PDB file of N, CA and C in Angstrom:
ATOM      1  N   MET A   1     -10.473   1.319  -7.176  1.00  0.00           N
ATOM      2  CA  MET A   1      -9.111   1.088  -6.759  1.00  0.00           C
ATOM      3  C   MET A   1      -8.254   0.886  -8.007  1.00  0.00           C
ATOM      4  N   SER A   2      -7.077   1.430  -7.979  1.00  0.00           N
ATOM      5  CA  SER A   2      -6.134   1.305  -9.082  1.00  0.00           C
ATOM      6  C   SER A   2      -5.632  -0.133  -9.196  1.00  0.00           C
ATOM      7  N   GLU A   3      -5.231  -0.502 -10.384  1.00  0.00           N
ATOM      8  CA  GLU A   3      -4.664  -1.843 -10.598  1.00  0.00           C
ATOM      9  C   GLU A   3      -3.346  -2.011  -9.850  1.00  0.00           C
ATOM     10  N   LEU A   4      -2.666  -0.912  -9.556  1.00  0.00           N
ATOM     11  CA  LEU A   4      -1.365  -0.975  -8.915  1.00  0.00           C
ATOM     12  C   LEU A   4      -1.443  -0.840  -7.393  1.00  0.00           C
ATOM     13  N   THR A   5      -2.649  -0.706  -6.860  1.00  0.00           N
ATOM     14  CA  THR A   5      -2.830  -0.511  -5.428  1.00  0.00           C
ATOM     15  C   THR A   5      -3.215  -1.826  -4.762  1.00  0.00           C
ATOM     16  N   GLN A   6      -2.558  -2.136  -3.639  1.00  0.00           N
ATOM     17  CA  GLN A   6      -2.910  -3.322  -2.872  1.00  0.00           C
ATOM     18  C   GLN A   6      -4.223  -3.104  -2.149  1.00  0.00           C
ATOM     19  N   CYS A   7      -4.984  -4.176  -1.995  1.00  0.00           N
ATOM     20  CA  CYS A   7      -6.203  -4.087  -1.201  1.00  0.00           C
ATOM     21  C   CYS A   7      -5.817  -4.080   0.282  1.00  0.00           C
ATOM     22  N   ASN A   8      -6.767  -3.735   1.134  1.00  0.00           N
ATOM     23  CA  ASN A   8      -6.496  -3.665   2.572  1.00  0.00           C
ATOM     24  C   ASN A   8      -6.106  -5.023   3.149  1.00  0.00           C
ATOM     25  N   HIS A   9      -6.703  -6.087   2.655  1.00  0.00           N
ATOM     26  CA  HIS A   9      -6.369  -7.433   3.135  1.00  0.00           C
ATOM     27  C   HIS A   9      -4.896  -7.741   2.870  1.00  0.00           C
ATOM     28  N   CYS A  10      -4.423  -7.478   1.682  1.00  0.00           N
ATOM     29  CA  CYS A  10      -3.022  -7.748   1.336  1.00  0.00           C
ATOM     30  C   CYS A  10      -2.078  -6.811   2.092  1.00  0.00           C
ATOM     31  N   SER A  11      -2.495  -5.571   2.317  1.00  0.00           N
ATOM     32  CA  SER A  11      -1.686  -4.644   3.112  1.00  0.00           C
ATOM     33  C   SER A  11      -1.533  -5.166   4.539  1.00  0.00           C
ATOM     34  N   LEU A  12      -2.612  -5.698   5.105  1.00  0.00           N
ATOM     35  CA  LEU A  12      -2.545  -6.254   6.449  1.00  0.00           C
ATOM     36  C   LEU A  12      -1.637  -7.484   6.485  1.00  0.00           C
ATOM     37  N   LEU A  13      -1.683  -8.311   5.454  1.00  0.00           N
ATOM     38  CA  LEU A  13      -0.784  -9.468   5.403  1.00  0.00           C
ATOM     39  C   LEU A  13       0.678  -9.020   5.393  1.00  0.00           C
ATOM     40  N   ASP A  14       0.985  -7.954   4.660  1.00  0.00           N
ATOM     41  CA  ASP A  14       2.351  -7.413   4.634  1.00  0.00           C
ATOM     42  C   ASP A  14       2.754  -6.873   6.008  1.00  0.00           C
ATOM     43  N   ILE A  15       1.830  -6.160   6.667  1.00  0.00           N
ATOM     44  CA  ILE A  15       2.110  -5.630   8.006  1.00  0.00           C
ATOM     45  C   ILE A  15       2.402  -6.783   8.963  1.00  0.00           C
ATOM     46  N   ARG A  16       1.596  -7.836   8.901  1.00  0.00           N
ATOM     47  CA  ARG A  16       1.795  -9.000   9.774  1.00  0.00           C
ATOM     48  C   ARG A  16       3.129  -9.692   9.502  1.00  0.00           C
ATOM     49  N   ALA A  17       3.491  -9.825   8.232  1.00  0.00           N
ATOM     50  CA  ALA A  17       4.759 -10.491   7.884  1.00  0.00           C
ATOM     51  C   ALA A  17       5.954  -9.695   8.408  1.00  0.00           C
ATOM     52  N   ARG A  18       5.932  -8.364   8.236  1.00  0.00           N
ATOM     53  CA  ARG A  18       7.029  -7.530   8.744  1.00  0.00           C
ATOM     54  C   ARG A  18       7.095  -7.581  10.267  1.00  0.00           C
ATOM     55  N   ALA A  19       5.938  -7.567  10.919  1.00  0.00           N
ATOM     56  CA  ALA A  19       5.906  -7.620  12.381  1.00  0.00           C
ATOM     57  C   ALA A  19       6.444  -8.959  12.882  1.00  0.00           C
ATOM     58  N   GLN A  20       6.044 -10.033  12.247  1.00  0.00           N
ATOM     59  CA  GLN A  20       6.491 -11.364  12.669  1.00  0.00           C
ATOM     60  C   GLN A  20       8.000 -11.502  12.521  1.00  0.00           C
ATOM     61  N   SER A  21       8.561 -10.949  11.448  1.00  0.00           N
ATOM     62  CA  SER A  21      10.004 -11.054  11.232  1.00  0.00           C
ATOM     63  C   SER A  21      10.802 -10.300  12.299  1.00  0.00           C
ATOM     64  N   LYS A  22      10.166  -9.306  12.942  1.00  0.00           N
ATOM     65  CA  LYS A  22      10.823  -8.533  13.991  1.00  0.00           C
ATOM     66  C   LYS A  22      10.441  -9.002  15.391  1.00  0.00           C
ATOM     67  N   GLY A  23       9.576 -10.020  15.474  1.00  0.00           N
ATOM     68  CA  GLY A  23       9.153 -10.533  16.775  1.00  0.00           C
ATOM     69  C   GLY A  23       8.059  -9.718  17.435  1.00  0.00           C
ATOM     70  N   TYR A  24       7.273  -9.006  16.661  1.00  0.00           N
ATOM     71  CA  TYR A  24       6.193  -8.181  17.181  1.00  0.00           C
ATOM     72  C   TYR A  24       4.847  -8.850  16.930  1.00  0.00           C
ATOM     73  N   ASP A  25       3.830  -8.409  17.664  1.00  0.00           N
ATOM     74  CA  ASP A  25       2.458  -8.858  17.469  1.00  0.00           C
ATOM     75  C   ASP A  25       1.669  -7.769  16.764  1.00  0.00           C
ATOM     76  N   VAL A  26       0.575  -8.182  16.119  1.00  0.00           N
ATOM     77  CA  VAL A  26      -0.337  -7.251  15.466  1.00  0.00           C
ATOM     78  C   VAL A  26      -1.694  -7.378  16.149  1.00  0.00           C
ATOM     79  N   THR A  27      -2.261  -6.242  16.547  1.00  0.00           N
ATOM     80  CA  THR A  27      -3.575  -6.221  17.176  1.00  0.00           C
ATOM     81  C   THR A  27      -4.508  -5.379  16.319  1.00  0.00           C
ATOM     82  N   LEU A  28      -5.714  -5.896  16.082  1.00  0.00           N
ATOM     83  CA  LEU A  28      -6.742  -5.168  15.342  1.00  0.00           C
ATOM     84  C   LEU A  28      -7.796  -4.693  16.328  1.00  0.00           C
ATOM     85  N   SER A  29      -8.282  -3.492  16.131  1.00  0.00           N
ATOM     86  CA  SER A  29      -9.289  -2.929  17.011  1.00  0.00           C
ATOM     87  C   SER A  29     -10.324  -2.183  16.179  1.00  0.00           C
ATOM     88  N   ASN A  30     -11.592  -2.464  16.422  1.00  0.00           N
ATOM     89  CA  ASN A  30     -12.667  -1.750  15.726  1.00  0.00           C
ATOM     90  C   ASN A  30     -12.845  -0.395  16.391  1.00  0.00           C
ATOM     91  N   GLU A  31     -12.355   0.650  15.745  1.00  0.00           N
ATOM     92  CA  GLU A  31     -12.414   2.015  16.269  1.00  0.00           C
ATOM     93  C   GLU A  31     -12.681   2.981  15.133  1.00  0.00           C
ATOM     94  N   ASP A  32     -13.228   4.117  15.475  1.00  0.00           N
ATOM     95  CA  ASP A  32     -13.362   5.233  14.531  1.00  0.00           C
ATOM     96  C   ASP A  32     -14.005   4.820  13.218  1.00  0.00           C
ATOM     97  N   SER A  33     -15.075   4.056  13.289  1.00  0.00           N
ATOM     98  CA  SER A  33     -15.797   3.621  12.085  1.00  0.00           C
ATOM     99  C   SER A  33     -14.901   2.863  11.126  1.00  0.00           C
ATOM    100  N   GLY A  34     -13.994   2.082  11.656  1.00  0.00           N
ATOM    101  CA  GLY A  34     -13.094   1.278  10.840  1.00  0.00           C
ATOM    102  C   GLY A  34     -12.269   0.358  11.716  1.00  0.00           C
ATOM    103  N   VAL A  35     -11.156  -0.116  11.178  1.00  0.00           N
ATOM    104  CA  VAL A  35     -10.284  -1.036  11.895  1.00  0.00           C
ATOM    105  C   VAL A  35      -8.909  -0.377  12.048  1.00  0.00           C
ATOM    106  N   THR A  36      -8.458  -0.262  13.291  1.00  0.00           N
ATOM    107  CA  THR A  36      -7.140   0.292  13.583  1.00  0.00           C
ATOM    108  C   THR A  36      -6.176  -0.861  13.808  1.00  0.00           C
ATOM    109  N   VAL A  37      -4.974  -0.746  13.244  1.00  0.00           N
ATOM    110  CA  VAL A  37      -3.952  -1.784  13.355  1.00  0.00           C
ATOM    111  C   VAL A  37      -2.814  -1.258  14.227  1.00  0.00           C
ATOM    112  N   TYR A  38      -2.445  -2.056  15.236  1.00  0.00           N
ATOM    113  CA  TYR A  38      -1.325  -1.735  16.109  1.00  0.00           C
ATOM    114  C   TYR A  38      -0.266  -2.819  15.974  1.00  0.00           C
ATOM    115  N   VAL A  39       0.999  -2.430  15.894  1.00  0.00           N
ATOM    116  CA  VAL A  39       2.127  -3.364  15.886  1.00  0.00           C
ATOM    117  C   VAL A  39       2.911  -3.074  17.161  1.00  0.00           C
ATOM    118  N   HIS A  40       3.050  -4.091  18.011  1.00  0.00           N
ATOM    119  CA  HIS A  40       3.638  -3.867  19.334  1.00  0.00           C
ATOM    120  C   HIS A  40       4.447  -5.074  19.782  1.00  0.00           C
ATOM    121  N   PRO A  41       5.320  -4.884  20.782  1.00  0.00           N
ATOM    122  CA  PRO A  41       6.107  -6.002  21.309  1.00  0.00           C
ATOM    123  C   PRO A  41       5.186  -7.074  21.883  1.00  0.00           C
ATOM    124  N   ARG A  42       5.623  -8.315  21.794  1.00  0.00           N
ATOM    125  CA  ARG A  42       4.830  -9.425  22.332  1.00  0.00           C
ATOM    126  C   ARG A  42       4.594  -9.228  23.819  1.00  0.00           C
ATOM    127  N   GLY A  43       3.359  -9.511  24.232  1.00  0.00           N
ATOM    128  CA  GLY A  43       3.001  -9.394  25.640  1.00  0.00           C
ATOM    129  C   GLY A  43       2.594  -7.996  26.067  1.00  0.00           C
ATOM    130  N   HIS A  44       2.676  -7.029  25.183  1.00  0.00           N
ATOM    131  CA  HIS A  44       2.317  -5.649  25.501  1.00  0.00           C
ATOM    132  C   HIS A  44       0.955  -5.348  24.881  1.00  0.00           C
ATOM    133  N   THR A  45       0.102  -4.657  25.607  1.00  0.00           N
ATOM    134  CA  THR A  45      -1.192  -4.243  25.069  1.00  0.00           C
ATOM    135  C   THR A  45      -1.131  -2.753  24.763  1.00  0.00           C
ATOM    136  N   PRO A  46      -1.326  -2.373  23.508  1.00  0.00           N
ATOM    137  CA  PRO A  46      -1.228  -0.951  23.155  1.00  0.00           C
ATOM    138  C   PRO A  46      -2.434  -0.159  23.638  1.00  0.00           C
ATOM    139  N   GLU A  47      -2.216   1.135  23.908  1.00  0.00           N
ATOM    140  CA  GLU A  47      -3.328   2.041  24.190  1.00  0.00           C
ATOM    141  C   GLU A  47      -4.127   2.193  22.919  1.00  0.00           C
ATOM    142  N   LYS A  48      -5.429   2.185  23.055  1.00  0.00           N
ATOM    143  CA  LYS A  48      -6.279   2.315  21.876  1.00  0.00           C
ATOM    144  C   LYS A  48      -6.990   3.653  21.905  1.00  0.00           C
ATOM    145  N   GLY A  49      -7.392   4.099  20.744  1.00  0.00           N
ATOM    146  CA  GLY A  49      -8.158   5.335  20.649  1.00  0.00           C
ATOM    147  C   GLY A  49      -7.321   6.513  20.200  1.00  0.00           C
ATOM    148  N   ASN A  50      -7.983   7.630  20.034  1.00  0.00           N
ATOM    149  CA  ASN A  50      -7.329   8.856  19.581  1.00  0.00           C
ATOM    150  C   ASN A  50      -7.280   9.878  20.705  1.00  0.00           C
ATOM    151  N   ASP A  51      -6.304  10.740  20.627  1.00  0.00           N
ATOM    152  CA  ASP A  51      -6.198  11.852  21.560  1.00  0.00           C
ATOM    153  C   ASP A  51      -7.319  12.827  21.211  1.00  0.00           C
ATOM    154  N   PRO A  52      -8.258  13.075  22.115  1.00  0.00           N
ATOM    155  CA  PRO A  52      -9.398  13.928  21.781  1.00  0.00           C
ATOM    156  C   PRO A  52      -9.019  15.351  21.394  1.00  0.00           C
ATOM    157  N   SER A  53      -7.891  15.858  21.901  1.00  0.00           N
ATOM    158  CA  SER A  53      -7.526  17.245  21.606  1.00  0.00           C
ATOM    159  C   SER A  53      -6.964  17.414  20.192  1.00  0.00           C
ATOM    160  N   THR A  54      -6.263  16.399  19.691  1.00  0.00           N
ATOM    161  CA  THR A  54      -5.660  16.531  18.364  1.00  0.00           C
ATOM    162  C   THR A  54      -6.277  15.597  17.327  1.00  0.00           C
ATOM    163  N   GLY A  55      -6.924  14.520  17.791  1.00  0.00           N
ATOM    164  CA  GLY A  55      -7.472  13.546  16.862  1.00  0.00           C
ATOM    165  C   GLY A  55      -6.432  12.560  16.369  1.00  0.00           C
ATOM    166  N   ASN A  56      -5.178  12.735  16.819  1.00  0.00           N
ATOM    167  CA  ASN A  56      -4.095  11.844  16.400  1.00  0.00           C
ATOM    168  C   ASN A  56      -4.059  10.599  17.283  1.00  0.00           C
ATOM    169  N   PRO A  57      -3.588   9.487  16.727  1.00  0.00           N
ATOM    170  CA  PRO A  57      -3.463   8.280  17.550  1.00  0.00           C
ATOM    171  C   PRO A  57      -2.512   8.538  18.712  1.00  0.00           C
ATOM    172  N   ARG A  58      -2.907   8.106  19.915  1.00  0.00           N
ATOM    173  CA  ARG A  58      -2.046   8.355  21.071  1.00  0.00           C
ATOM    174  C   ARG A  58      -1.080   7.214  21.314  1.00  0.00           C
ATOM    175  N   SER A  59      -1.256   6.118  20.620  1.00  0.00           N
ATOM    176  CA  SER A  59      -0.378   4.976  20.819  1.00  0.00           C
ATOM    177  C   SER A  59       0.828   5.062  19.886  1.00  0.00           C
ATOM    178  N   PRO A  60       2.030   4.865  20.415  1.00  0.00           N
ATOM    179  CA  PRO A  60       3.203   4.835  19.539  1.00  0.00           C
ATOM    180  C   PRO A  60       3.230   3.567  18.683  1.00  0.00           C
ATOM    181  N   TYR A  61       2.320   2.642  18.954  1.00  0.00           N
ATOM    182  CA  TYR A  61       2.277   1.386  18.214  1.00  0.00           C
ATOM    183  C   TYR A  61       1.267   1.412  17.071  1.00  0.00           C
ATOM    184  N   PHE A  62       0.633   2.554  16.839  1.00  0.00           N
ATOM    185  CA  PHE A  62      -0.308   2.689  15.725  1.00  0.00           C
ATOM    186  C   PHE A  62       0.417   2.398  14.419  1.00  0.00           C
ATOM    187  N   ALA A  63      -0.172   1.526  13.581  1.00  0.00           N
ATOM    188  CA  ALA A  63       0.449   1.195  12.300  1.00  0.00           C
ATOM    189  C   ALA A  63      -0.400   1.633  11.116  1.00  0.00           C
ATOM    190  N   SER A  64      -1.717   1.427  11.212  1.00  0.00           N
ATOM    191  CA  SER A  64      -2.559   1.736  10.069  1.00  0.00           C
ATOM    192  C   SER A  64      -4.025   1.791  10.506  1.00  0.00           C
ATOM    193  N   TRP A  65      -4.850   2.369   9.642  1.00  0.00           N
ATOM    194  CA  TRP A  65      -6.286   2.386   9.849  1.00  0.00           C
ATOM    195  C   TRP A  65      -6.938   2.044   8.523  1.00  0.00           C
ATOM    196  N   PHE A  66      -7.888   1.122   8.551  1.00  0.00           N
ATOM    197  CA  PHE A  66      -8.613   0.720   7.349  1.00  0.00           C
ATOM    198  C   PHE A  66     -10.093   1.030   7.529  1.00  0.00           C
ATOM    199  N   MET A  67     -10.691   1.637   6.504  1.00  0.00           N
ATOM    200  CA  MET A  67     -12.126   1.892   6.563  1.00  0.00           C
ATOM    201  C   MET A  67     -12.881   0.576   6.555  1.00  0.00           C
ATOM    202  N   GLU A  68     -12.420  -0.352   5.716  1.00  0.00           N
ATOM    203  CA  GLU A  68     -13.011  -1.683   5.639  1.00  0.00           C
ATOM    204  C   GLU A  68     -11.903  -2.698   5.503  1.00  0.00           C
ATOM    205  N   LEU A  69     -12.104  -3.866   6.086  1.00  0.00           N
ATOM    206  CA  LEU A  69     -11.107  -4.921   6.023  1.00  0.00           C
ATOM    207  C   LEU A  69     -11.824  -6.221   5.679  1.00  0.00           C
ATOM    208  N   THR A  70     -11.531  -6.748   4.510  1.00  0.00           N
ATOM    209  CA  THR A  70     -12.177  -7.984   4.081  1.00  0.00           C
ATOM    210  C   THR A  70     -11.373  -9.190   4.568  1.00  0.00           C
ATOM    211  N   ASP A  71     -11.996 -10.361   4.491  1.00  0.00           N
ATOM    212  CA  ASP A  71     -11.309 -11.590   4.906  1.00  0.00           C
ATOM    213  C   ASP A  71     -10.666 -12.311   3.721  1.00  0.00           C
ATOM    214  N   HIS A  72     -10.613 -11.635   2.571  1.00  0.00           N
ATOM    215  CA  HIS A  72     -10.010 -12.225   1.373  1.00  0.00           C
ATOM    216  C   HIS A  72      -9.402 -11.109   0.511  1.00  0.00           C
ATOM    217  N   CYS A  73      -8.587 -11.523  -0.438  1.00  0.00           N
ATOM    218  CA  CYS A  73      -7.943 -10.564  -1.343  1.00  0.00           C
ATOM    219  C   CYS A  73      -8.958  -9.979  -2.324  1.00  0.00           C
ATOM    220  N   CYS A  74      -8.844  -8.665  -2.551  1.00  0.00           N
ATOM    221  CA  CYS A  74      -9.703  -7.976  -3.510  1.00  0.00           C
ATOM    222  C   CYS A  74      -8.890  -7.273  -4.595  1.00  0.00           C
ATOM    223  N   CYS A  75      -7.597  -7.595  -4.685  1.00  0.00           N
ATOM    224  CA  CYS A  75      -6.722  -6.951  -5.668  1.00  0.00           C
ATOM    225  C   CYS A  75      -7.150  -7.286  -7.089  1.00  0.00           C
TER     226      CYS A  75
END
């Protein structure tokens, strides 16, 4: 990883901070051999998974996908 690149943990913290400032929730889901991040309105449960025909996320609330997500900073 480059010295100028944020680790996945810090990227998730940034996603959570932006979501909180807008009144949204962040949901993590273990999918596709990794962790998928959804940012959605409070009280709403996003659709999870990929569209089998295109492989693209079918949820409009898809925010990010991480191959690995640690519980601490690795920057």
